[in-house]
N, C-alpha and C. Protein backbone atom coordinates (compact mmCIF):
# COMPACT_ATOMS: atom_id res chain seq x y z
N MET A 1 -21.81 -6.65 -5.18
CA MET A 1 -21.70 -5.21 -5.25
C MET A 1 -22.90 -4.59 -4.55
N ALA A 2 -22.62 -3.58 -3.78
CA ALA A 2 -23.68 -2.88 -3.04
C ALA A 2 -24.42 -1.91 -3.95
N THR A 3 -25.62 -1.56 -3.56
CA THR A 3 -26.35 -0.49 -4.24
C THR A 3 -25.87 0.84 -3.67
N LYS A 4 -26.26 1.95 -4.29
CA LYS A 4 -25.87 3.26 -3.76
C LYS A 4 -26.38 3.43 -2.33
N ALA A 5 -27.62 3.04 -2.10
CA ALA A 5 -28.20 3.17 -0.75
C ALA A 5 -27.41 2.32 0.26
N GLU A 6 -27.06 1.11 -0.13
CA GLU A 6 -26.29 0.24 0.77
C GLU A 6 -24.90 0.83 1.03
N LEU A 7 -24.31 1.42 0.00
CA LEU A 7 -22.99 2.06 0.16
C LEU A 7 -23.08 3.22 1.14
N PHE A 8 -24.11 4.06 1.01
CA PHE A 8 -24.28 5.16 1.94
C PHE A 8 -24.47 4.64 3.37
N ASP A 9 -25.21 3.57 3.52
CA ASP A 9 -25.37 2.95 4.85
C ASP A 9 -24.04 2.46 5.40
N MET A 10 -23.24 1.82 4.54
CA MET A 10 -21.92 1.34 4.96
C MET A 10 -21.03 2.49 5.43
N ILE A 11 -21.09 3.60 4.68
CA ILE A 11 -20.29 4.77 5.05
C ILE A 11 -20.76 5.34 6.38
N ASN A 12 -22.06 5.44 6.58
CA ASN A 12 -22.59 5.96 7.84
C ASN A 12 -22.20 5.08 9.02
N VAL A 13 -22.25 3.78 8.84
CA VAL A 13 -21.83 2.86 9.92
C VAL A 13 -20.35 3.04 10.20
N PHE A 14 -19.56 3.15 9.14
CA PHE A 14 -18.11 3.31 9.30
C PHE A 14 -17.78 4.59 10.07
N LEU A 15 -18.51 5.66 9.78
CA LEU A 15 -18.23 6.96 10.40
C LEU A 15 -18.98 7.17 11.72
N ALA A 16 -19.70 6.18 12.19
CA ALA A 16 -20.54 6.33 13.39
C ALA A 16 -19.74 6.70 14.64
N ASP A 17 -18.55 6.16 14.77
CA ASP A 17 -17.75 6.51 15.96
C ASP A 17 -16.39 7.03 15.52
N HIS A 18 -16.04 8.19 16.05
CA HIS A 18 -14.77 8.84 15.72
C HIS A 18 -13.67 8.24 16.60
N LYS A 19 -12.53 7.98 16.02
CA LYS A 19 -11.38 7.45 16.77
C LYS A 19 -10.40 8.59 17.01
N SER A 20 -10.02 8.77 18.25
CA SER A 20 -9.08 9.83 18.62
C SER A 20 -7.68 9.27 18.77
N THR A 21 -6.72 10.14 18.54
CA THR A 21 -5.32 9.78 18.71
C THR A 21 -4.94 9.88 20.18
N LYS A 22 -4.00 9.08 20.57
CA LYS A 22 -3.48 9.12 21.94
C LYS A 22 -2.03 9.59 21.90
N ARG A 23 -1.72 10.64 22.62
CA ARG A 23 -0.35 11.14 22.76
C ARG A 23 0.35 11.38 21.42
N GLY A 24 -0.38 11.84 20.42
CA GLY A 24 0.22 12.22 19.16
C GLY A 24 0.44 11.09 18.17
N GLY A 25 0.15 9.85 18.55
CA GLY A 25 0.31 8.74 17.62
C GLY A 25 -0.93 8.59 16.75
N TRP A 26 -0.96 7.52 15.99
CA TRP A 26 -2.13 7.27 15.16
C TRP A 26 -3.29 6.76 16.00
N ALA A 27 -4.47 7.09 15.59
CA ALA A 27 -5.67 6.58 16.25
C ALA A 27 -5.73 5.07 16.05
N PRO A 28 -6.28 4.35 17.02
CA PRO A 28 -6.36 2.89 16.87
C PRO A 28 -7.30 2.50 15.73
N VAL A 29 -6.93 1.42 15.06
CA VAL A 29 -7.71 0.90 13.93
C VAL A 29 -7.91 -0.60 14.15
N THR A 30 -9.13 -1.07 13.98
CA THR A 30 -9.39 -2.50 14.12
C THR A 30 -9.35 -3.16 12.74
N LYS A 31 -9.15 -4.47 12.76
CA LYS A 31 -9.14 -5.23 11.51
C LYS A 31 -10.48 -5.10 10.79
N SER A 32 -11.57 -5.10 11.57
CA SER A 32 -12.90 -4.99 10.94
C SER A 32 -13.08 -3.61 10.29
N GLU A 33 -12.46 -2.57 10.84
CA GLU A 33 -12.54 -1.24 10.22
C GLU A 33 -11.77 -1.20 8.90
N VAL A 34 -10.62 -1.85 8.87
CA VAL A 34 -9.85 -1.92 7.63
C VAL A 34 -10.67 -2.66 6.57
N THR A 35 -11.28 -3.77 6.97
CA THR A 35 -12.11 -4.55 6.05
C THR A 35 -13.29 -3.72 5.55
N ALA A 36 -13.95 -3.01 6.47
CA ALA A 36 -15.10 -2.19 6.10
C ALA A 36 -14.70 -1.09 5.12
N LEU A 37 -13.57 -0.44 5.37
CA LEU A 37 -13.11 0.62 4.48
C LEU A 37 -12.76 0.05 3.11
N TYR A 38 -12.12 -1.11 3.09
CA TYR A 38 -11.80 -1.77 1.82
C TYR A 38 -13.09 -2.04 1.03
N GLU A 39 -14.10 -2.56 1.71
CA GLU A 39 -15.37 -2.87 1.04
C GLU A 39 -16.05 -1.60 0.53
N ILE A 40 -15.97 -0.51 1.29
CA ILE A 40 -16.55 0.76 0.85
C ILE A 40 -15.86 1.24 -0.42
N PHE A 41 -14.53 1.26 -0.42
CA PHE A 41 -13.79 1.70 -1.60
C PHE A 41 -14.10 0.82 -2.80
N ASN A 42 -14.07 -0.49 -2.57
CA ASN A 42 -14.30 -1.43 -3.67
C ASN A 42 -15.71 -1.26 -4.25
N ASP A 43 -16.71 -1.15 -3.38
CA ASP A 43 -18.09 -0.97 -3.85
C ASP A 43 -18.25 0.36 -4.59
N LEU A 44 -17.59 1.40 -4.10
CA LEU A 44 -17.65 2.70 -4.76
C LEU A 44 -17.11 2.60 -6.19
N ILE A 45 -15.98 1.93 -6.34
CA ILE A 45 -15.38 1.77 -7.67
C ILE A 45 -16.27 0.90 -8.55
N GLU A 46 -16.81 -0.19 -7.98
CA GLU A 46 -17.69 -1.08 -8.76
C GLU A 46 -18.97 -0.38 -9.22
N LEU A 47 -19.47 0.54 -8.40
CA LEU A 47 -20.68 1.28 -8.79
C LEU A 47 -20.38 2.28 -9.91
N LYS A 48 -19.18 2.78 -9.95
CA LYS A 48 -18.80 3.80 -10.94
C LYS A 48 -18.35 3.21 -12.28
N TYR A 49 -17.61 2.09 -12.23
CA TYR A 49 -16.96 1.58 -13.44
C TYR A 49 -17.35 0.13 -13.74
N ASP A 50 -17.43 -0.18 -15.02
CA ASP A 50 -17.60 -1.56 -15.45
C ASP A 50 -16.27 -2.29 -15.35
N LYS A 51 -16.34 -3.60 -15.16
CA LYS A 51 -15.14 -4.44 -15.17
C LYS A 51 -14.78 -4.75 -16.61
N ASP A 52 -13.52 -5.10 -16.83
CA ASP A 52 -13.11 -5.48 -18.19
C ASP A 52 -13.47 -6.94 -18.44
N CYS A 53 -13.05 -7.45 -19.57
CA CYS A 53 -13.42 -8.82 -19.96
C CYS A 53 -12.84 -9.87 -19.02
N ASP A 54 -11.81 -9.53 -18.28
CA ASP A 54 -11.22 -10.45 -17.29
C ASP A 54 -11.83 -10.30 -15.91
N GLY A 55 -12.75 -9.36 -15.75
CA GLY A 55 -13.39 -9.13 -14.47
C GLY A 55 -12.63 -8.16 -13.58
N ASP A 56 -11.67 -7.44 -14.15
CA ASP A 56 -10.87 -6.49 -13.37
C ASP A 56 -11.45 -5.08 -13.47
N LEU A 57 -11.35 -4.35 -12.38
CA LEU A 57 -11.77 -2.95 -12.36
C LEU A 57 -10.63 -2.07 -12.85
N PRO A 58 -10.92 -0.87 -13.38
CA PRO A 58 -9.86 -0.01 -13.90
C PRO A 58 -9.06 0.72 -12.82
N LEU A 59 -9.48 0.64 -11.57
CA LEU A 59 -8.75 1.28 -10.46
C LEU A 59 -8.40 0.23 -9.41
N GLU A 60 -7.21 0.36 -8.84
CA GLU A 60 -6.79 -0.48 -7.72
C GLU A 60 -6.43 0.43 -6.56
N PHE A 61 -6.49 -0.11 -5.36
CA PHE A 61 -6.14 0.67 -4.17
C PHE A 61 -5.63 -0.29 -3.11
N ALA A 62 -4.99 0.27 -2.12
CA ALA A 62 -4.52 -0.51 -0.97
C ALA A 62 -4.89 0.26 0.28
N VAL A 63 -5.29 -0.45 1.30
CA VAL A 63 -5.59 0.16 2.60
C VAL A 63 -4.58 -0.40 3.59
N THR A 64 -3.81 0.48 4.21
CA THR A 64 -2.74 0.06 5.11
C THR A 64 -2.97 0.64 6.50
N ASP A 65 -3.02 -0.22 7.49
CA ASP A 65 -3.11 0.22 8.89
C ASP A 65 -1.71 0.61 9.32
N ARG A 66 -1.46 1.92 9.42
CA ARG A 66 -0.13 2.41 9.75
C ARG A 66 0.26 2.11 11.19
N ASN A 67 -0.67 1.66 12.02
CA ASN A 67 -0.32 1.20 13.35
C ASN A 67 0.48 -0.11 13.28
N LEU A 68 0.25 -0.89 12.23
CA LEU A 68 0.87 -2.21 12.09
C LEU A 68 1.90 -2.29 10.98
N TYR A 69 1.75 -1.49 9.95
CA TYR A 69 2.60 -1.61 8.76
C TYR A 69 3.15 -0.26 8.33
N GLU A 70 4.30 -0.28 7.71
CA GLU A 70 4.85 0.93 7.13
C GLU A 70 4.00 1.35 5.94
N GLY A 71 4.11 2.60 5.59
CA GLY A 71 3.39 3.08 4.42
C GLY A 71 3.87 2.38 3.16
N ASN A 72 3.12 2.53 2.11
CA ASN A 72 3.45 1.88 0.84
C ASN A 72 4.80 2.35 0.33
N HIS A 73 5.67 1.40 0.03
CA HIS A 73 7.01 1.72 -0.49
C HIS A 73 7.08 1.47 -2.00
N TYR A 74 5.96 1.45 -2.66
CA TYR A 74 5.92 1.10 -4.06
C TYR A 74 5.28 2.23 -4.86
N ALA A 75 5.94 2.63 -5.90
CA ALA A 75 5.37 3.63 -6.81
C ALA A 75 4.83 2.91 -8.04
N CYS A 76 3.71 3.34 -8.52
CA CYS A 76 3.10 2.70 -9.69
C CYS A 76 4.02 2.79 -10.90
N VAL A 77 4.10 1.70 -11.62
CA VAL A 77 4.91 1.64 -12.85
C VAL A 77 3.95 1.74 -14.03
N PRO A 78 4.14 2.76 -14.89
CA PRO A 78 3.22 2.90 -16.02
C PRO A 78 3.43 1.78 -17.04
N TYR A 79 2.38 1.49 -17.78
CA TYR A 79 2.52 0.54 -18.88
C TYR A 79 3.49 1.12 -19.90
N SER A 80 4.24 0.28 -20.52
CA SER A 80 5.13 0.75 -21.59
C SER A 80 4.52 0.38 -22.93
N HIS A 81 3.33 0.93 -23.18
CA HIS A 81 2.62 0.68 -24.43
C HIS A 81 3.41 1.21 -25.61
N ALA A 82 3.22 0.56 -26.69
CA ALA A 82 3.83 1.07 -27.92
C ALA A 82 3.18 2.41 -28.26
N GLY A 83 4.00 3.37 -28.57
CA GLY A 83 3.49 4.68 -28.94
C GLY A 83 3.17 4.74 -30.43
N GLU A 84 2.62 5.86 -30.81
CA GLU A 84 2.32 6.06 -32.24
C GLU A 84 3.60 6.28 -33.03
N THR A 85 4.61 6.79 -32.35
CA THR A 85 5.91 7.00 -33.01
C THR A 85 6.97 6.27 -32.21
N GLU A 86 8.12 6.09 -32.81
CA GLU A 86 9.23 5.43 -32.12
C GLU A 86 9.67 6.25 -30.91
N ALA A 87 9.63 7.57 -31.04
CA ALA A 87 10.02 8.45 -29.93
C ALA A 87 9.06 8.28 -28.74
N GLU A 88 7.75 8.17 -29.01
CA GLU A 88 6.78 7.95 -27.94
C GLU A 88 6.99 6.59 -27.29
N GLU A 89 7.29 5.59 -28.10
CA GLU A 89 7.53 4.25 -27.58
C GLU A 89 8.76 4.23 -26.67
N LYS A 90 9.82 4.89 -27.09
CA LYS A 90 11.04 4.96 -26.28
C LYS A 90 10.78 5.71 -24.98
N ALA A 91 10.04 6.81 -25.06
CA ALA A 91 9.74 7.60 -23.86
C ALA A 91 8.89 6.80 -22.88
N SER A 92 7.92 6.07 -23.38
CA SER A 92 7.06 5.24 -22.54
C SER A 92 7.86 4.14 -21.85
N CYS A 93 8.72 3.48 -22.60
CA CYS A 93 9.56 2.43 -22.03
C CYS A 93 10.53 3.02 -21.00
N ALA A 94 11.10 4.18 -21.30
CA ALA A 94 12.05 4.82 -20.38
C ALA A 94 11.38 5.19 -19.07
N LYS A 95 10.15 5.69 -19.13
CA LYS A 95 9.42 6.07 -17.91
C LYS A 95 9.10 4.83 -17.07
N ALA A 96 8.68 3.75 -17.72
CA ALA A 96 8.40 2.50 -16.99
C ALA A 96 9.68 1.97 -16.34
N PHE A 97 10.78 2.02 -17.07
CA PHE A 97 12.06 1.57 -16.53
C PHE A 97 12.47 2.43 -15.34
N GLU A 98 12.32 3.73 -15.47
CA GLU A 98 12.68 4.66 -14.39
C GLU A 98 11.90 4.35 -13.11
N MET A 99 10.60 4.10 -13.23
CA MET A 99 9.78 3.83 -12.06
C MET A 99 10.08 2.45 -11.47
N ALA A 100 10.34 1.46 -12.32
CA ALA A 100 10.72 0.14 -11.81
C ALA A 100 12.05 0.22 -11.07
N LEU A 101 12.99 0.98 -11.61
CA LEU A 101 14.28 1.17 -10.97
C LEU A 101 14.12 1.89 -9.63
N TYR A 102 13.24 2.88 -9.60
CA TYR A 102 12.96 3.60 -8.35
C TYR A 102 12.42 2.64 -7.29
N ASN A 103 11.52 1.75 -7.69
CA ASN A 103 10.99 0.76 -6.74
C ASN A 103 12.09 -0.15 -6.22
N LEU A 104 12.99 -0.55 -7.10
CA LEU A 104 14.12 -1.38 -6.69
C LEU A 104 15.01 -0.63 -5.70
N GLU A 105 15.23 0.64 -5.94
CA GLU A 105 16.02 1.47 -5.03
C GLU A 105 15.36 1.55 -3.65
N ILE A 106 14.06 1.75 -3.63
CA ILE A 106 13.33 1.82 -2.36
C ILE A 106 13.46 0.49 -1.61
N ALA A 107 13.25 -0.61 -2.31
CA ALA A 107 13.33 -1.94 -1.69
C ALA A 107 14.75 -2.22 -1.19
N THR A 108 15.75 -1.88 -1.99
CA THR A 108 17.13 -2.10 -1.59
C THR A 108 17.48 -1.29 -0.34
N SER A 109 17.04 -0.07 -0.29
CA SER A 109 17.29 0.78 0.87
C SER A 109 16.66 0.17 2.13
N LYS A 110 15.43 -0.34 2.01
CA LYS A 110 14.75 -0.94 3.16
C LYS A 110 15.47 -2.21 3.60
N VAL A 111 15.89 -3.03 2.65
CA VAL A 111 16.62 -4.25 2.99
C VAL A 111 17.93 -3.90 3.70
N ASN A 112 18.65 -2.89 3.22
CA ASN A 112 19.89 -2.47 3.86
C ASN A 112 19.64 -1.99 5.29
N GLN A 113 18.60 -1.21 5.48
CA GLN A 113 18.27 -0.71 6.82
C GLN A 113 17.97 -1.87 7.77
N LEU A 114 17.15 -2.81 7.33
CA LEU A 114 16.80 -3.96 8.18
C LEU A 114 17.99 -4.86 8.42
N SER A 115 18.87 -4.98 7.43
CA SER A 115 20.08 -5.79 7.59
C SER A 115 20.98 -5.20 8.67
N ARG A 116 21.15 -3.88 8.66
CA ARG A 116 21.96 -3.24 9.71
C ARG A 116 21.35 -3.46 11.09
N THR A 117 20.04 -3.36 11.18
CA THR A 117 19.36 -3.59 12.46
C THR A 117 19.57 -5.03 12.93
N MET A 118 19.43 -5.99 12.02
CA MET A 118 19.62 -7.40 12.39
C MET A 118 21.07 -7.66 12.80
N GLN A 119 22.02 -7.03 12.14
CA GLN A 119 23.43 -7.17 12.52
C GLN A 119 23.67 -6.63 13.92
N HIS A 120 23.02 -5.52 14.24
CA HIS A 120 23.13 -4.93 15.57
C HIS A 120 22.59 -5.91 16.63
N TYR A 121 21.43 -6.52 16.36
CA TYR A 121 20.85 -7.49 17.29
C TYR A 121 21.76 -8.70 17.46
N ALA A 122 22.34 -9.17 16.37
CA ALA A 122 23.24 -10.33 16.43
C ALA A 122 24.48 -9.99 17.24
N LYS A 123 25.01 -8.79 17.07
CA LYS A 123 26.19 -8.36 17.83
C LYS A 123 25.86 -8.27 19.31
N ASP A 124 24.69 -7.72 19.66
CA ASP A 124 24.26 -7.64 21.06
C ASP A 124 24.12 -9.02 21.67
N ALA A 125 23.56 -9.95 20.93
CA ALA A 125 23.38 -11.32 21.44
C ALA A 125 24.73 -11.99 21.64
N LYS A 126 25.65 -11.77 20.72
CA LYS A 126 26.99 -12.36 20.84
C LYS A 126 27.72 -11.79 22.05
N ASN A 127 27.62 -10.47 22.26
CA ASN A 127 28.27 -9.83 23.42
C ASN A 127 27.64 -10.30 24.72
N ALA A 128 26.33 -10.46 24.75
CA ALA A 128 25.65 -10.93 25.96
C ALA A 128 26.09 -12.36 26.30
N LYS A 129 26.24 -13.17 25.28
CA LYS A 129 26.66 -14.56 25.48
C LYS A 129 28.10 -14.60 25.99
N LYS A 130 28.95 -13.72 25.41
CA LYS A 130 30.36 -13.63 25.80
C LYS A 130 30.49 -13.17 27.26
N ASP A 131 29.58 -12.27 27.68
CA ASP A 131 29.60 -11.72 29.04
C ASP A 131 28.88 -12.65 30.03
N GLY A 132 28.41 -13.79 29.55
CA GLY A 132 27.76 -14.75 30.45
C GLY A 132 26.27 -14.55 30.59
N GLY A 133 25.67 -13.72 29.73
CA GLY A 133 24.24 -13.43 29.84
C GLY A 133 23.40 -14.25 29.01
């Protein structure tokens, strides 16, 4: 874990050069920049919060280079802790179920989209082969 001073230095190094966008797309991002940003976020959280008995921090995050990967398709699922009353327990479980189902819907939609694309490619390859290509 970095000290506050080391974290400030890391942030200054990270921000030393500005990346500009080209033709309206995303600005280029290097793997080392993603790693540096991850380390900055992680150190920031470690400086603020103690880890639990398992060594886990109370906050999680993901850094995604949108030049290479789609944005996060996952919504956080709340814990379905037992409530103080049966009504609270049912509501907590229902909310967790709703969010898990939403994630399944997102994943299913993405799989369907990619499946249609792959079918299109397979059809093109079959037609090219049929036409002698």
